[in-house]
Amino acid sequence: MCRWRNRYQSPRSELADEPEDTTIRHYRYLKNRTPMSINALLEAAAQLDAPELERFISELLALRARRTAPSLSKEESALLQQINEGLPPDVQQRYDALIEKRQAETLTPDEHQELIALNDQAEEADVERVKALAALAQIRNVSITDLMNELGIHPPSYV
């Protein structure tokens, strides 16, 4: 004997207790959904708490940017990703902490050696970023300086 268990599940035997696959439920939900009006979207957004609203706005702006921005080639995208890549967060934090200790003159000899190694790693990453900048500038037929200005990249003040 079969019957509907709930709105998202198909007819099943009364003996079957496992829920229907969530992918199928989600598909059925999306298939039957009607587009929301702008007012309905605003009302829904008004129900969000501050962090959720910030995330929603961020996602909405990203959506608009994807729709309005010119599309990039795979090569340009890869170069931009390389240009924007820095040290991993944990390495950057350690590097910053060691610099602070050096400035405070509390760096141990072992920490000094670690700082030198991290500095070498940072310089290698910067070299790769500059190579990527040069390649992207060549693709776009602009100077590296113009590309840096376009991307909002400023050289360090000590250069």
Protein backbone atom coordinates (compact mmCIF):
# COMPACT_ATOMS: atom_id res chain seq x y z
CA MET A 1 0.00 0.00 0.00
CA CYS A 2 1.48 3.34 -1.08
CA ARG A 3 0.74 6.87 -0.03
CA TRP A 4 2.49 10.28 -0.07
CA ARG A 5 4.66 10.68 3.03
CA ASN A 6 5.14 14.43 2.69
CA ARG A 7 5.35 17.14 0.08
CA TYR A 8 8.90 16.27 -1.01
CA GLN A 9 8.72 12.49 -0.99
CA SER A 10 7.32 10.24 -3.61
CA PRO A 11 4.79 7.49 -2.85
CA ARG A 12 6.43 4.74 -0.83
CA SER A 13 5.53 1.69 1.05
CA GLU A 14 4.45 2.40 4.61
CA LEU A 15 7.23 0.06 5.69
CA ALA A 16 9.95 2.23 4.11
CA ASP A 17 11.29 4.67 6.67
CA GLU A 18 14.35 6.11 4.88
CA PRO A 19 13.86 9.63 3.52
CA GLU A 20 13.93 10.33 -0.17
CA ASP A 21 17.26 11.39 -1.64
CA THR A 22 17.83 15.08 -0.81
CA THR A 23 18.99 15.81 -4.37
CA ILE A 24 15.63 14.68 -5.73
CA ARG A 25 13.81 16.72 -3.09
CA HIS A 26 15.86 19.78 -3.94
CA TYR A 27 15.22 19.28 -7.67
CA ARG A 28 11.47 19.02 -7.09
CA TYR A 29 11.55 22.13 -4.92
CA LEU A 30 13.43 24.15 -7.56
CA LYS A 31 11.23 22.82 -10.36
CA ASN A 32 8.03 23.98 -8.62
CA ARG A 33 9.43 27.30 -7.39
CA THR A 34 8.18 30.54 -8.90
CA PRO A 35 10.47 33.55 -9.38
CA MET A 36 10.41 36.01 -6.48
CA SER A 37 9.53 39.64 -7.03
CA ILE A 38 11.95 42.36 -5.99
CA ASN A 39 9.66 43.24 -3.08
CA ALA A 40 9.61 39.62 -1.92
CA LEU A 41 13.43 39.52 -2.09
CA LEU A 42 13.65 42.74 -0.07
CA GLU A 43 11.22 41.37 2.52
CA ALA A 44 13.29 38.20 2.78
CA ALA A 45 16.50 40.24 3.12
CA ALA A 46 14.90 42.29 5.89
CA GLN A 47 14.56 39.08 7.93
CA LEU A 48 18.32 38.40 7.88
CA ASP A 49 20.53 39.27 10.83
CA ALA A 50 23.47 41.64 10.21
CA PRO A 51 26.16 39.04 9.30
CA GLU A 52 23.77 37.16 6.98
CA LEU A 53 22.74 40.45 5.35
CA GLU A 54 26.38 41.40 4.79
CA ARG A 55 27.04 38.00 3.20
CA PHE A 56 23.92 38.34 1.04
CA ILE A 57 24.97 41.81 -0.14
CA SER A 58 28.49 40.56 -0.87
CA GLU A 59 27.14 37.62 -2.89
CA LEU A 60 24.73 39.93 -4.72
CA LEU A 61 27.53 42.34 -5.66
CA ALA A 62 29.66 39.42 -6.83
CA LEU A 63 26.77 38.22 -8.99
CA ARG A 64 26.41 41.68 -10.52
CA ALA A 65 30.15 41.86 -11.16
CA ARG A 66 30.12 38.47 -12.91
CA ARG A 67 27.27 39.60 -15.14
CA THR A 68 28.69 43.01 -16.03
CA ALA A 69 32.44 42.41 -16.05
CA PRO A 70 34.15 41.42 -19.24
CA SER A 71 35.07 37.78 -19.22
CA LEU A 72 38.72 36.90 -18.87
CA SER A 73 40.62 34.25 -20.71
CA LYS A 74 41.81 31.26 -18.69
CA GLU A 75 45.36 32.56 -18.98
CA GLU A 76 44.42 36.01 -17.65
CA SER A 77 42.45 34.44 -14.81
CA ALA A 78 45.38 32.23 -13.86
CA LEU A 79 47.77 35.18 -13.95
CA LEU A 80 45.45 37.32 -11.81
CA GLN A 81 45.16 34.51 -9.30
CA GLN A 82 48.95 34.23 -9.17
CA ILE A 83 49.30 38.03 -8.80
CA ASN A 84 46.86 38.07 -5.88
CA GLU A 85 48.36 35.05 -4.14
CA GLY A 86 50.34 35.84 -1.03
CA LEU A 87 51.96 33.76 1.62
CA PRO A 88 49.69 31.28 3.37
CA PRO A 89 47.97 32.99 6.34
CA ASP A 90 49.84 31.02 9.00
CA VAL A 91 53.21 31.76 7.35
CA GLN A 92 52.32 35.46 6.98
CA GLN A 93 51.33 35.66 10.65
CA ARG A 94 54.58 34.06 11.76
CA TYR A 95 56.57 36.35 9.44
CA ASP A 96 54.81 39.44 10.85
CA ALA A 97 55.39 38.25 14.44
CA LEU A 98 59.10 37.73 13.78
CA ILE A 99 59.39 41.19 12.21
CA GLU A 100 57.77 42.68 15.31
CA LYS A 101 60.25 40.81 17.52
CA ARG A 102 63.13 42.03 15.35
CA GLN A 103 61.91 45.62 15.68
CA ALA A 104 61.57 45.18 19.43
CA GLU A 105 65.08 43.67 19.43
CA THR A 106 63.87 40.49 21.17
CA LEU A 107 64.63 38.07 18.33
CA THR A 108 66.57 34.92 19.30
CA PRO A 109 69.26 33.55 16.96
CA ASP A 110 66.97 30.67 15.94
CA GLU A 111 64.13 33.09 15.24
CA HIS A 112 66.52 35.24 13.22
CA GLN A 113 67.35 32.26 11.01
CA GLU A 114 63.63 31.50 10.68
CA LEU A 115 62.96 35.11 9.69
CA ILE A 116 65.66 34.95 7.03
CA ALA A 117 64.12 31.76 5.60
CA LEU A 118 60.61 33.28 5.62
CA ASN A 119 61.96 36.44 4.01
CA ASP A 120 63.51 34.33 1.24
CA GLN A 121 60.15 32.60 0.76
CA ALA A 122 58.34 35.96 0.58
CA GLU A 123 60.85 37.29 -1.94
CA GLU A 124 60.42 34.19 -4.13
CA ALA A 125 56.64 34.69 -4.04
CA ASP A 126 57.11 38.35 -5.00
CA VAL A 127 59.30 37.36 -7.95
CA GLU A 128 56.55 35.03 -9.19
CA ARG A 129 53.98 37.81 -8.76
CA VAL A 130 56.12 40.24 -10.79
CA LYS A 131 56.56 37.63 -13.54
CA ALA A 132 52.77 37.18 -13.63
CA LEU A 133 52.29 40.97 -13.72
CA ALA A 134 54.71 41.22 -16.66
CA ALA A 135 52.94 38.42 -18.54
CA LEU A 136 49.51 39.97 -17.96
CA ALA A 137 50.77 43.42 -18.95
CA GLN A 138 52.09 41.92 -22.18
CA ILE A 139 48.78 40.19 -22.91
CA ARG A 140 46.89 43.44 -22.32
CA ASN A 141 49.53 45.48 -24.15
CA VAL A 142 50.04 47.93 -21.27
CA SER A 143 52.99 48.84 -19.07
CA ILE A 144 53.45 47.07 -15.75
CA THR A 145 52.97 50.41 -13.99
CA ASP A 146 49.66 51.02 -15.76
CA LEU A 147 48.52 47.47 -14.96
CA MET A 148 49.46 47.90 -11.30
CA ASN A 149 47.47 51.14 -11.17
CA GLU A 150 44.50 49.43 -12.85
CA LEU A 151 44.64 46.58 -10.31
CA GLY A 152 45.20 48.91 -7.36
CA ILE A 153 48.62 47.44 -6.57
CA HIS A 154 51.03 49.86 -4.95
CA PRO A 155 54.74 49.15 -4.54
CA PRO A 156 56.03 49.09 -0.96
CA SER A 157 57.05 52.49 0.37
CA TYR A 158 60.68 51.41 0.82
CA VAL A 159 61.15 50.83 -2.94
